[in-house]
Amino acid sequence: MDHKKELKEMYKEMKIEAGVFTMTNTQTGKLFVGSFNNLKRLNGFQFMLKTNTHTNKVLQADYNLYGQEAFEVEIVEYLKKKEEGYFDEKKELEKLEQKWLETLKPYGERGYN
């Protein structure tokens, strides 16, 4: 099997996990808090920054100014899914993100949210 095909298969087999992430500007200390129902989408988030198409203009401007090397991405918490009963993943992910927004307060001079 060729390497490209092997990588595609590995990607498909990766567990789909929801969670909250931060992107920190190591030069300024400013951070962005976000969440995805599929953390694989972080690649698309970073791609938008690399191609200068991200909708958060302040984050995009700093990314353009400081470069990719100045930003660190960290998954701060995975969404724990209930095994039984009704579970509204979207609502629970919003609550989890809100918890981190309240904790880290990435607003104004402190962040990009």
PDB file of N, CA and C in Angstrom:
ATOM      1  N   MET A   1       0.859  -1.180   0.000  1.00  0.00           N
ATOM      2  CA  MET A   1       0.000   0.000   0.000  1.00  0.00           C
ATOM      3  C   MET A   1       0.905   1.243   0.000  1.00  0.00           C
ATOM      4  N   ASP A   2       0.581   2.211  -0.845  1.00  0.00           N
ATOM      5  CA  ASP A   2       1.425   3.405  -0.885  1.00  0.00           C
ATOM      6  C   ASP A   2       1.179   4.286   0.341  1.00  0.00           C
ATOM      7  N   HIS A   3       2.137   5.130   0.627  1.00  0.00           N
ATOM      8  CA  HIS A   3       2.123   5.944   1.850  1.00  0.00           C
ATOM      9  C   HIS A   3       0.911   6.862   1.933  1.00  0.00           C
ATOM     10  N   LYS A   4       0.533   7.479   0.828  1.00  0.00           N
ATOM     11  CA  LYS A   4      -0.605   8.403   0.816  1.00  0.00           C
ATOM     12  C   LYS A   4      -1.904   7.671   1.173  1.00  0.00           C
ATOM     13  N   LYS A   5      -2.083   6.513   0.576  1.00  0.00           N
ATOM     14  CA  LYS A   5      -3.284   5.721   0.837  1.00  0.00           C
ATOM     15  C   LYS A   5      -3.307   5.269   2.302  1.00  0.00           C
ATOM     16  N   GLU A   6      -2.142   4.922   2.815  1.00  0.00           N
ATOM     17  CA  GLU A   6      -2.021   4.494   4.204  1.00  0.00           C
ATOM     18  C   GLU A   6      -2.414   5.632   5.161  1.00  0.00           C
ATOM     19  N   LEU A   7      -1.958   6.831   4.860  1.00  0.00           N
ATOM     20  CA  LEU A   7      -2.307   7.989   5.684  1.00  0.00           C
ATOM     21  C   LEU A   7      -3.800   8.270   5.650  1.00  0.00           C
ATOM     22  N   LYS A   8      -4.411   8.149   4.470  1.00  0.00           N
ATOM     23  CA  LYS A   8      -5.861   8.349   4.344  1.00  0.00           C
ATOM     24  C   LYS A   8      -6.617   7.358   5.209  1.00  0.00           C
ATOM     25  N   GLU A   9      -6.192   6.114   5.186  1.00  0.00           N
ATOM     26  CA  GLU A   9      -6.857   5.078   5.982  1.00  0.00           C
ATOM     27  C   GLU A   9      -6.722   5.357   7.476  1.00  0.00           C
ATOM     28  N   MET A  10      -5.532   5.787   7.890  1.00  0.00           N
ATOM     29  CA  MET A  10      -5.321   6.119   9.302  1.00  0.00           C
ATOM     30  C   MET A  10      -6.231   7.271   9.725  1.00  0.00           C
ATOM     31  N   TYR A  11      -6.362   8.267   8.852  1.00  0.00           N
ATOM     32  CA  TYR A  11      -7.203   9.429   9.136  1.00  0.00           C
ATOM     33  C   TYR A  11      -8.656   9.004   9.296  1.00  0.00           C
ATOM     34  N   LYS A  12      -9.124   8.134   8.410  1.00  0.00           N
ATOM     35  CA  LYS A  12     -10.510   7.668   8.476  1.00  0.00           C
ATOM     36  C   LYS A  12     -10.784   6.886   9.751  1.00  0.00           C
ATOM     37  N   GLU A  13      -9.779   6.159  10.225  1.00  0.00           N
ATOM     38  CA  GLU A  13      -9.949   5.318  11.402  1.00  0.00           C
ATOM     39  C   GLU A  13      -9.837   6.094  12.716  1.00  0.00           C
ATOM     40  N   MET A  14      -9.352   7.337  12.643  1.00  0.00           N
ATOM     41  CA  MET A  14      -9.227   8.147  13.856  1.00  0.00           C
ATOM     42  C   MET A  14     -10.595   8.342  14.489  1.00  0.00           C
ATOM     43  N   LYS A  15     -10.622   8.253  15.790  1.00  0.00           N
ATOM     44  CA  LYS A  15     -11.846   8.445  16.541  1.00  0.00           C
ATOM     45  C   LYS A  15     -12.293   9.902  16.416  1.00  0.00           C
ATOM     46  N   ILE A  16     -13.571  10.119  16.187  1.00  0.00           N
ATOM     47  CA  ILE A  16     -14.102  11.472  16.095  1.00  0.00           C
ATOM     48  C   ILE A  16     -14.415  11.941  17.512  1.00  0.00           C
ATOM     49  N   GLU A  17     -13.722  13.005  17.914  1.00  0.00           N
ATOM     50  CA  GLU A  17     -13.911  13.525  19.253  1.00  0.00           C
ATOM     51  C   GLU A  17     -14.256  15.003  19.194  1.00  0.00           C
ATOM     52  N   ALA A  18     -15.128  15.403  20.106  1.00  0.00           N
ATOM     53  CA  ALA A  18     -15.510  16.810  20.242  1.00  0.00           C
ATOM     54  C   ALA A  18     -14.727  17.392  21.405  1.00  0.00           C
ATOM     55  N   GLY A  19     -14.484  18.703  21.346  1.00  0.00           N
ATOM     56  CA  GLY A  19     -13.782  19.320  22.458  1.00  0.00           C
ATOM     57  C   GLY A  19     -13.511  20.789  22.247  1.00  0.00           C
ATOM     58  N   VAL A  20     -12.832  21.353  23.235  1.00  0.00           N
ATOM     59  CA  VAL A  20     -12.484  22.768  23.248  1.00  0.00           C
ATOM     60  C   VAL A  20     -10.976  22.896  23.076  1.00  0.00           C
ATOM     61  N   PHE A  21     -10.582  23.899  22.285  1.00  0.00           N
ATOM     62  CA  PHE A  21      -9.162  24.122  22.050  1.00  0.00           C
ATOM     63  C   PHE A  21      -8.814  25.590  22.268  1.00  0.00           C
ATOM     64  N   THR A  22      -7.534  25.836  22.464  1.00  0.00           N
ATOM     65  CA  THR A  22      -7.038  27.207  22.507  1.00  0.00           C
ATOM     66  C   THR A  22      -5.961  27.350  21.443  1.00  0.00           C
ATOM     67  N   MET A  23      -5.855  28.554  20.921  1.00  0.00           N
ATOM     68  CA  MET A  23      -4.751  28.905  20.038  1.00  0.00           C
ATOM     69  C   MET A  23      -4.104  30.124  20.688  1.00  0.00           C
ATOM     70  N   THR A  24      -2.857  29.971  21.119  1.00  0.00           N
ATOM     71  CA  THR A  24      -2.168  31.014  21.858  1.00  0.00           C
ATOM     72  C   THR A  24      -1.082  31.648  21.007  1.00  0.00           C
ATOM     73  N   ASN A  25      -1.064  32.970  21.007  1.00  0.00           N
ATOM     74  CA  ASN A  25      -0.003  33.726  20.356  1.00  0.00           C
ATOM     75  C   ASN A  25       1.133  33.813  21.373  1.00  0.00           C
ATOM     76  N   THR A  26       2.228  33.115  21.125  1.00  0.00           N
ATOM     77  CA  THR A  26       3.330  33.060  22.086  1.00  0.00           C
ATOM     78  C   THR A  26       4.089  34.386  22.170  1.00  0.00           C
ATOM     79  N   GLN A  27       3.898  35.263  21.203  1.00  0.00           N
ATOM     80  CA  GLN A  27       4.563  36.566  21.206  1.00  0.00           C
ATOM     81  C   GLN A  27       3.821  37.578  22.083  1.00  0.00           C
ATOM     82  N   THR A  28       2.504  37.514  22.075  1.00  0.00           N
ATOM     83  CA  THR A  28       1.706  38.512  22.797  1.00  0.00           C
ATOM     84  C   THR A  28       0.953  37.930  23.992  1.00  0.00           C
ATOM     85  N   GLY A  29       0.805  36.620  24.039  1.00  0.00           N
ATOM     86  CA  GLY A  29       0.046  35.981  25.112  1.00  0.00           C
ATOM     87  C   GLY A  29      -1.456  35.956  24.861  1.00  0.00           C
ATOM     88  N   LYS A  30      -1.901  36.573  23.769  1.00  0.00           N
ATOM     89  CA  LYS A  30      -3.331  36.581  23.451  1.00  0.00           C
ATOM     90  C   LYS A  30      -3.760  35.178  23.023  1.00  0.00           C
ATOM     91  N   LEU A  31      -5.015  34.844  23.342  1.00  0.00           N
ATOM     92  CA  LEU A  31      -5.473  33.528  22.934  1.00  0.00           C
ATOM     93  C   LEU A  31      -6.889  33.539  22.400  1.00  0.00           C
ATOM     94  N   PHE A  32      -7.159  32.493  21.651  1.00  0.00           N
ATOM     95  CA  PHE A  32      -8.469  32.254  21.065  1.00  0.00           C
ATOM     96  C   PHE A  32      -8.982  30.948  21.644  1.00  0.00           C
ATOM     97  N   VAL A  33     -10.251  30.938  22.050  1.00  0.00           N
ATOM     98  CA  VAL A  33     -10.889  29.718  22.548  1.00  0.00           C
ATOM     99  C   VAL A  33     -11.965  29.333  21.552  1.00  0.00           C
ATOM    100  N   GLY A  34     -11.951  28.074  21.145  1.00  0.00           N
ATOM    101  CA  GLY A  34     -12.954  27.586  20.209  1.00  0.00           C
ATOM    102  C   GLY A  34     -13.280  26.134  20.486  1.00  0.00           C
ATOM    103  N   SER A  35     -14.248  25.624  19.754  1.00  0.00           N
ATOM    104  CA  SER A  35     -14.622  24.218  19.924  1.00  0.00           C
ATOM    105  C   SER A  35     -15.087  23.656  18.592  1.00  0.00           C
ATOM    106  N   PHE A  36     -14.977  22.358  18.477  1.00  0.00           N
ATOM    107  CA  PHE A  36     -15.459  21.637  17.309  1.00  0.00           C
ATOM    108  C   PHE A  36     -16.117  20.346  17.760  1.00  0.00           C
ATOM    109  N   ASN A  37     -17.179  19.957  17.061  1.00  0.00           N
ATOM    110  CA  ASN A  37     -17.792  18.660  17.346  1.00  0.00           C
ATOM    111  C   ASN A  37     -16.931  17.533  16.763  1.00  0.00           C
ATOM    112  N   ASN A  38     -15.981  17.901  15.921  1.00  0.00           N
ATOM    113  CA  ASN A  38     -15.006  16.964  15.370  1.00  0.00           C
ATOM    114  C   ASN A  38     -13.669  17.700  15.351  1.00  0.00           C
ATOM    115  N   LEU A  39     -12.787  17.355  16.276  1.00  0.00           N
ATOM    116  CA  LEU A  39     -11.530  18.089  16.402  1.00  0.00           C
ATOM    117  C   LEU A  39     -10.610  17.920  15.193  1.00  0.00           C
ATOM    118  N   LYS A  40     -10.948  17.013  14.287  1.00  0.00           N
ATOM    119  CA  LYS A  40     -10.201  16.922  13.028  1.00  0.00           C
ATOM    120  C   LYS A  40     -10.327  18.238  12.256  1.00  0.00           C
ATOM    121  N   ARG A  41     -11.394  18.984  12.540  1.00  0.00           N
ATOM    122  CA  ARG A  41     -11.630  20.250  11.836  1.00  0.00           C
ATOM    123  C   ARG A  41     -10.609  21.327  12.202  1.00  0.00           C
ATOM    124  N   LEU A  42      -9.772  21.071  13.200  1.00  0.00           N
ATOM    125  CA  LEU A  42      -8.701  22.009  13.530  1.00  0.00           C
ATOM    126  C   LEU A  42      -7.788  22.234  12.328  1.00  0.00           C
ATOM    127  N   ASN A  43      -7.617  21.215  11.514  1.00  0.00           N
ATOM    128  CA  ASN A  43      -6.797  21.357  10.308  1.00  0.00           C
ATOM    129  C   ASN A  43      -7.381  22.424   9.390  1.00  0.00           C
ATOM    130  N   GLY A  44      -8.694  22.425   9.218  1.00  0.00           N
ATOM    131  CA  GLY A  44      -9.351  23.419   8.384  1.00  0.00           C
ATOM    132  C   GLY A  44      -9.246  24.816   8.981  1.00  0.00           C
ATOM    133  N   PHE A  45      -9.345  24.903  10.304  1.00  0.00           N
ATOM    134  CA  PHE A  45      -9.208  26.170  11.022  1.00  0.00           C
ATOM    135  C   PHE A  45      -7.830  26.772  10.743  1.00  0.00           C
ATOM    136  N   GLN A  46      -6.802  25.937  10.853  1.00  0.00           N
ATOM    137  CA  GLN A  46      -5.440  26.400  10.609  1.00  0.00           C
ATOM    138  C   GLN A  46      -5.213  26.697   9.125  1.00  0.00           C
ATOM    139  N   PHE A  47      -5.833  25.929   8.269  1.00  0.00           N
ATOM    140  CA  PHE A  47      -5.704  26.170   6.824  1.00  0.00           C
ATOM    141  C   PHE A  47      -6.267  27.538   6.456  1.00  0.00           C
ATOM    142  N   MET A  48      -7.404  27.904   7.064  1.00  0.00           N
ATOM    143  CA  MET A  48      -8.003  29.214   6.790  1.00  0.00           C
ATOM    144  C   MET A  48      -7.037  30.333   7.185  1.00  0.00           C
ATOM    145  N   LEU A  49      -6.339  30.163   8.307  1.00  0.00           N
ATOM    146  CA  LEU A  49      -5.363  31.168   8.718  1.00  0.00           C
ATOM    147  C   LEU A  49      -4.197  31.234   7.726  1.00  0.00           C
ATOM    148  N   LYS A  50      -3.729  30.060   7.307  1.00  0.00           N
ATOM    149  CA  LYS A  50      -2.603  30.009   6.363  1.00  0.00           C
ATOM    150  C   LYS A  50      -2.946  30.639   5.023  1.00  0.00           C
ATOM    151  N   THR A  51      -4.211  30.552   4.629  1.00  0.00           N
ATOM    152  CA  THR A  51      -4.621  31.080   3.320  1.00  0.00           C
ATOM    153  C   THR A  51      -5.263  32.468   3.431  1.00  0.00           C
ATOM    154  N   ASN A  52      -5.162  33.068   4.629  1.00  0.00           N
ATOM    155  CA  ASN A  52      -5.646  34.430   4.862  1.00  0.00           C
ATOM    156  C   ASN A  52      -7.151  34.570   4.616  1.00  0.00           C
ATOM    157  N   THR A  53      -7.919  33.554   5.020  1.00  0.00           N
ATOM    158  CA  THR A  53      -9.365  33.580   4.798  1.00  0.00           C
ATOM    159  C   THR A  53     -10.170  33.398   6.091  1.00  0.00           C
ATOM    160  N   HIS A  54      -9.509  33.498   7.243  1.00  0.00           N
ATOM    161  CA  HIS A  54     -10.221  33.307   8.503  1.00  0.00           C
ATOM    162  C   HIS A  54     -11.155  34.482   8.766  1.00  0.00           C
ATOM    163  N   THR A  55     -12.319  34.206   9.341  1.00  0.00           N
ATOM    164  CA  THR A  55     -13.326  35.239   9.572  1.00  0.00           C
ATOM    165  C   THR A  55     -13.006  36.131  10.775  1.00  0.00           C
ATOM    166  N   ASN A  56     -12.156  35.675  11.694  1.00  0.00           N
ATOM    167  CA  ASN A  56     -11.754  36.489  12.833  1.00  0.00           C
ATOM    168  C   ASN A  56     -10.595  37.377  12.360  1.00  0.00           C
ATOM    169  N   LYS A  57     -10.921  38.614  12.014  1.00  0.00           N
ATOM    170  CA  LYS A  57      -9.951  39.518  11.378  1.00  0.00           C
ATOM    171  C   LYS A  57      -8.773  39.872  12.277  1.00  0.00           C
ATOM    172  N   VAL A  58      -9.010  40.005  13.593  1.00  0.00           N
ATOM    173  CA  VAL A  58      -7.921  40.346  14.511  1.00  0.00           C
ATOM    174  C   VAL A  58      -6.948  39.167  14.621  1.00  0.00           C
ATOM    175  N   LEU A  59      -7.477  37.969  14.776  1.00  0.00           N
ATOM    176  CA  LEU A  59      -6.640  36.772  14.812  1.00  0.00           C
ATOM    177  C   LEU A  59      -5.883  36.626  13.498  1.00  0.00           C
ATOM    178  N   GLN A  60      -6.563  36.834  12.389  1.00  0.00           N
ATOM    179  CA  GLN A  60      -5.924  36.710  11.082  1.00  0.00           C
ATOM    180  C   GLN A  60      -4.792  37.726  10.925  1.00  0.00           C
ATOM    181  N   ALA A  61      -5.025  38.957  11.358  1.00  0.00           N
ATOM    182  CA  ALA A  61      -3.998  40.002  11.248  1.00  0.00           C
ATOM    183  C   ALA A  61      -2.750  39.639  12.056  1.00  0.00           C
ATOM    184  N   ASP A  62      -2.944  39.140  13.289  1.00  0.00           N
ATOM    185  CA  ASP A  62      -1.801  38.743  14.104  1.00  0.00           C
ATOM    186  C   ASP A  62      -1.102  37.520  13.522  1.00  0.00           C
ATOM    187  N   TYR A  63      -1.869  36.601  12.966  1.00  0.00           N
ATOM    188  CA  TYR A  63      -1.282  35.417  12.339  1.00  0.00           C
ATOM    189  C   TYR A  63      -0.413  35.857  11.150  1.00  0.00           C
ATOM    190  N   ASN A  64      -0.900  36.802  10.380  1.00  0.00           N
ATOM    191  CA  ASN A  64      -0.129  37.318   9.250  1.00  0.00           C
ATOM    192  C   ASN A  64       1.132  38.038   9.729  1.00  0.00           C
ATOM    193  N   LEU A  65       1.014  38.786  10.822  1.00  0.00           N
ATOM    194  CA  LEU A  65       2.127  39.569  11.356  1.00  0.00           C
ATOM    195  C   LEU A  65       3.205  38.684  11.993  1.00  0.00           C
ATOM    196  N   TYR A  66       2.793  37.763  12.864  1.00  0.00           N
ATOM    197  CA  TYR A  66       3.753  36.968  13.636  1.00  0.00           C
ATOM    198  C   TYR A  66       4.112  35.632  12.994  1.00  0.00           C
ATOM    199  N   GLY A  67       3.268  35.139  12.119  1.00  0.00           N
ATOM    200  CA  GLY A  67       3.542  33.868  11.446  1.00  0.00           C
ATOM    201  C   GLY A  67       3.055  32.658  12.211  1.00  0.00           C
ATOM    202  N   GLN A  68       2.967  31.566  11.517  1.00  0.00           N
ATOM    203  CA  GLN A  68       2.460  30.307  12.066  1.00  0.00           C
ATOM    204  C   GLN A  68       3.251  29.846  13.286  1.00  0.00           C
ATOM    205  N   GLU A  69       4.559  30.064  13.277  1.00  0.00           N
ATOM    206  CA  GLU A  69       5.429  29.590  14.358  1.00  0.00           C
ATOM    207  C   GLU A  69       5.090  30.231  15.702  1.00  0.00           C
ATOM    208  N   ALA A  70       4.446  31.394  15.681  1.00  0.00           N
ATOM    209  CA  ALA A  70       4.128  32.118  16.916  1.00  0.00           C
ATOM    210  C   ALA A  70       2.850  31.620  17.584  1.00  0.00           C
ATOM    211  N   PHE A  71       2.176  30.643  16.988  1.00  0.00           N
ATOM    212  CA  PHE A  71       0.901  30.174  17.529  1.00  0.00           C
ATOM    213  C   PHE A  71       0.974  28.711  17.932  1.00  0.00           C
ATOM    214  N   GLU A  72       0.461  28.446  19.125  1.00  0.00           N
ATOM    215  CA  GLU A  72       0.389  27.068  19.635  1.00  0.00           C
ATOM    216  C   GLU A  72      -1.072  26.684  19.824  1.00  0.00           C
ATOM    217  N   VAL A  73      -1.420  25.510  19.348  1.00  0.00           N
ATOM    218  CA  VAL A  73      -2.779  24.992  19.501  1.00  0.00           C
ATOM    219  C   VAL A  73      -2.752  23.888  20.551  1.00  0.00           C
ATOM    220  N   GLU A  74      -3.722  23.958  21.454  1.00  0.00           N
ATOM    221  CA  GLU A  74      -3.818  22.941  22.502  1.00  0.00           C
ATOM    222  C   GLU A  74      -5.281  22.566  22.702  1.00  0.00           C
ATOM    223  N   ILE A  75      -5.537  21.289  22.791  1.00  0.00           N
ATOM    224  CA  ILE A  75      -6.884  20.825  23.138  1.00  0.00           C
ATOM    225  C   ILE A  75      -6.945  20.844  24.658  1.00  0.00           C
ATOM    226  N   VAL A  76      -7.829  21.694  25.199  1.00  0.00           N
ATOM    227  CA  VAL A  76      -7.882  21.866  26.648  1.00  0.00           C
ATOM    228  C   VAL A  76      -8.854  20.907  27.331  1.00  0.00           C
ATOM    229  N   GLU A  77      -9.872  20.449  26.586  1.00  0.00           N
ATOM    230  CA  GLU A  77     -10.793  19.480  27.183  1.00  0.00           C
ATOM    231  C   GLU A  77     -11.607  18.783  26.098  1.00  0.00           C
ATOM    232  N   TYR A  78     -11.688  17.478  26.230  1.00  0.00           N
ATOM    233  CA  TYR A  78     -12.538  16.684  25.343  1.00  0.00           C
ATOM    234  C   TYR A  78     -13.931  16.589  25.951  1.00  0.00           C
ATOM    235  N   LEU A  79     -14.942  16.563  25.107  1.00  0.00           N
ATOM    236  CA  LEU A  79     -16.311  16.408  25.570  1.00  0.00           C
ATOM    237  C   LEU A  79     -16.537  14.957  25.963  1.00  0.00           C
ATOM    238  N   LYS A  80     -16.970  14.780  27.192  1.00  0.00           N
ATOM    239  CA  LYS A  80     -17.282  13.422  27.666  1.00  0.00           C
ATOM    240  C   LYS A  80     -18.731  13.129  27.325  1.00  0.00           C
ATOM    241  N   LYS A  81     -18.941  12.102  26.536  1.00  0.00           N
ATOM    242  CA  LYS A  81     -20.289  11.762  26.094  1.00  0.00           C
ATOM    243  C   LYS A  81     -20.922  10.759  27.049  1.00  0.00           C
ATOM    244  N   LYS A  82     -22.211  10.976  27.316  1.00  0.00           N
ATOM    245  CA  LYS A  82     -22.943  10.044  28.172  1.00  0.00           C
ATOM    246  C   LYS A  82     -23.136   8.727  27.441  1.00  0.00           C
ATOM    247  N   GLU A  83     -22.995   7.660  28.167  1.00  0.00           N
ATOM    248  CA  GLU A  83     -23.164   6.326  27.595  1.00  0.00           C
ATOM    249  C   GLU A  83     -24.641   5.969  27.423  1.00  0.00           C
ATOM    250  N   GLU A  84     -25.479   6.470  28.325  1.00  0.00           N
ATOM    251  CA  GLU A  84     -26.893   6.107  28.299  1.00  0.00           C
ATOM    252  C   GLU A  84     -27.767   7.353  28.338  1.00  0.00           C
ATOM    253  N   GLY A  85     -28.971   7.211  27.826  1.00  0.00           N
ATOM    254  CA  GLY A  85     -29.932   8.297  27.875  1.00  0.00           C
ATOM    255  C   GLY A  85     -29.668   9.347  26.809  1.00  0.00           C
ATOM    256  N   TYR A  86     -30.502  10.384  26.842  1.00  0.00           N
ATOM    257  CA  TYR A  86     -30.422  11.462  25.853  1.00  0.00           C
ATOM    258  C   TYR A  86     -29.188  12.320  26.108  1.00  0.00           C
ATOM    259  N   PHE A  87     -28.503  12.678  25.047  1.00  0.00           N
ATOM    260  CA  PHE A  87     -27.311  13.523  25.150  1.00  0.00           C
ATOM    261  C   PHE A  87     -27.289  14.479  23.977  1.00  0.00           C
ATOM    262  N   ASP A  88     -27.435  15.777  24.252  1.00  0.00           N
ATOM    263  CA  ASP A  88     -27.405  16.799  23.216  1.00  0.00           C
ATOM    264  C   ASP A  88     -25.960  17.287  23.097  1.00  0.00           C
ATOM    265  N   GLU A  89     -25.224  16.684  22.160  1.00  0.00           N
ATOM    266  CA  GLU A  89     -23.797  16.981  22.024  1.00  0.00           C
ATOM    267  C   GLU A  89     -23.537  18.457  21.736  1.00  0.00           C
ATOM    268  N   LYS A  90     -24.335  19.043  20.864  1.00  0.00           N
ATOM    269  CA  LYS A  90     -24.146  20.449  20.501  1.00  0.00           C
ATOM    270  C   LYS A  90     -24.284  21.356  21.721  1.00  0.00           C
ATOM    271  N   LYS A  91     -25.340  21.128  22.490  1.00  0.00           N
ATOM    272  CA  LYS A  91     -25.599  21.938  23.680  1.00  0.00           C
ATOM    273  C   LYS A  91     -24.502  21.750  24.729  1.00  0.00           C
ATOM    274  N   GLU A  92     -24.090  20.513  24.929  1.00  0.00           N
ATOM    275  CA  GLU A  92     -23.055  20.221  25.923  1.00  0.00           C
ATOM    276  C   GLU A  92     -21.704  20.804  25.508  1.00  0.00           C
ATOM    277  N   LEU A  93     -21.416  20.801  24.204  1.00  0.00           N
ATOM    278  CA  LEU A  93     -20.176  21.383  23.707  1.00  0.00           C
ATOM    279  C   LEU A  93     -20.190  22.905  23.889  1.00  0.00           C
ATOM    280  N   GLU A  94     -21.342  23.531  23.662  1.00  0.00           N
ATOM    281  CA  GLU A  94     -21.476  24.976  23.891  1.00  0.00           C
ATOM    282  C   GLU A  94     -21.228  25.314  25.363  1.00  0.00           C
ATOM    283  N   LYS A  95     -21.770  24.496  26.271  1.00  0.00           N
ATOM    284  CA  LYS A  95     -21.563  24.712  27.709  1.00  0.00           C
ATOM    285  C   LYS A  95     -20.082  24.584  28.067  1.00  0.00           C
ATOM    286  N   LEU A  96     -19.440  23.581  27.485  1.00  0.00           N
ATOM    287  CA  LEU A  96     -18.024  23.341  27.756  1.00  0.00           C
ATOM    288  C   LEU A  96     -17.171  24.512  27.254  1.00  0.00           C
ATOM    289  N   GLU A  97     -17.475  24.994  26.057  1.00  0.00           N
ATOM    290  CA  GLU A  97     -16.741  26.139  25.514  1.00  0.00           C
ATOM    291  C   GLU A  97     -16.978  27.374  26.384  1.00  0.00           C
ATOM    292  N   GLN A  98     -18.215  27.590  26.814  1.00  0.00           N
ATOM    293  CA  GLN A  98     -18.543  28.731  27.664  1.00  0.00           C
ATOM    294  C   GLN A  98     -17.764  28.676  28.967  1.00  0.00           C
ATOM    295  N   LYS A  99     -17.620  27.485  29.518  1.00  0.00           N
ATOM    296  CA  LYS A  99     -16.848  27.308  30.757  1.00  0.00           C
ATOM    297  C   LYS A  99     -15.408  27.800  30.554  1.00  0.00           C
ATOM    298  N   TRP A 100     -14.821  27.439  29.422  1.00  0.00           N
ATOM    299  CA  TRP A 100     -13.443  27.853  29.149  1.00  0.00           C
ATOM    300  C   TRP A 100     -13.345  29.336  28.822  1.00  0.00           C
ATOM    301  N   LEU A 101     -14.350  29.886  28.179  1.00  0.00           N
ATOM    302  CA  LEU A 101     -14.366  31.332  27.915  1.00  0.00           C
ATOM    303  C   LEU A 101     -14.415  32.110  29.233  1.00  0.00           C
ATOM    304  N   GLU A 102     -15.227  31.631  30.171  1.00  0.00           N
ATOM    305  CA  GLU A 102     -15.339  32.284  31.472  1.00  0.00           C
ATOM    306  C   GLU A 102     -14.057  32.126  32.284  1.00  0.00           C
ATOM    307  N   THR A 103     -13.400  30.993  32.141  1.00  0.00           N
ATOM    308  CA  THR A 103     -12.162  30.731  32.878  1.00  0.00           C
ATOM    309  C   THR A 103     -10.995  31.553  32.333  1.00  0.00           C
ATOM    310  N   LEU A 104     -10.821  31.552  31.014  1.00  0.00           N
ATOM    311  CA  LEU A 104      -9.653  32.188  30.402  1.00  0.00           C
ATOM    312  C   LEU A 104      -9.863  33.649  30.009  1.00  0.00           C
ATOM    313  N   LYS A 105     -11.110  34.053  29.842  1.00  0.00           N
ATOM    314  CA  LYS A 105     -11.469  35.434  29.484  1.00  0.00           C
ATOM    315  C   LYS A 105     -10.620  35.989  28.323  1.00  0.00           C
ATOM    316  N   PRO A 106     -10.711  35.376  27.148  1.00  0.00           N
ATOM    317  CA  PRO A 106      -9.887  35.809  26.015  1.00  0.00           C
ATOM    318  C   PRO A 106     -10.506  36.971  25.227  1.00  0.00           C
ATOM    319  N   TYR A 107     -10.750  38.072  25.921  1.00  0.00           N
ATOM    320  CA  TYR A 107     -11.422  39.211  25.306  1.00  0.00           C
ATOM    321  C   TYR A 107     -10.508  40.437  25.331  1.00  0.00           C
ATOM    322  N   GLY A 108     -10.759  41.367  24.425  1.00  0.00           N
ATOM    323  CA  GLY A 108     -10.016  42.622  24.404  1.00  0.00           C
ATOM    324  C   GLY A 108      -8.522  42.390  24.242  1.00  0.00           C
ATOM    325  N   GLU A 109      -7.743  42.959  25.149  1.00  0.00           N
ATOM    326  CA  GLU A 109      -6.290  42.841  25.087  1.00  0.00           C
ATOM    327  C   GLU A 109      -5.781  41.430  25.397  1.00  0.00           C
ATOM    328  N   ARG A 110      -6.636  40.631  26.004  1.00  0.00           N
ATOM    329  CA  ARG A 110      -6.233  39.273  26.413  1.00  0.00           C
ATOM    330  C   ARG A 110      -6.444  38.225  25.333  1.00  0.00           C
ATOM    331  N   GLY A 111      -7.253  38.540  24.326  1.00  0.00           N
ATOM    332  CA  GLY A 111      -7.520  37.486  23.368  1.00  0.00           C
ATOM    333  C   GLY A 111      -8.250  37.907  22.121  1.00  0.00           C
ATOM    334  N   TYR A 112      -8.720  36.900  21.412  1.00  0.00           N
ATOM    335  CA  TYR A 112      -9.326  37.084  20.084  1.00  0.00           C
ATOM    336  C   TYR A 112     -10.821  36.783  20.050  1.00  0.00           C
ATOM    337  N   ASN A 113     -11.426  36.462  21.185  1.00  0.00           N
ATOM    338  CA  ASN A 113     -12.853  36.130  21.176  1.00  0.00           C
ATOM    339  C   ASN A 113     -13.710  37.371  21.344  1.00  0.00           C
TER     340      ASN A 113
END
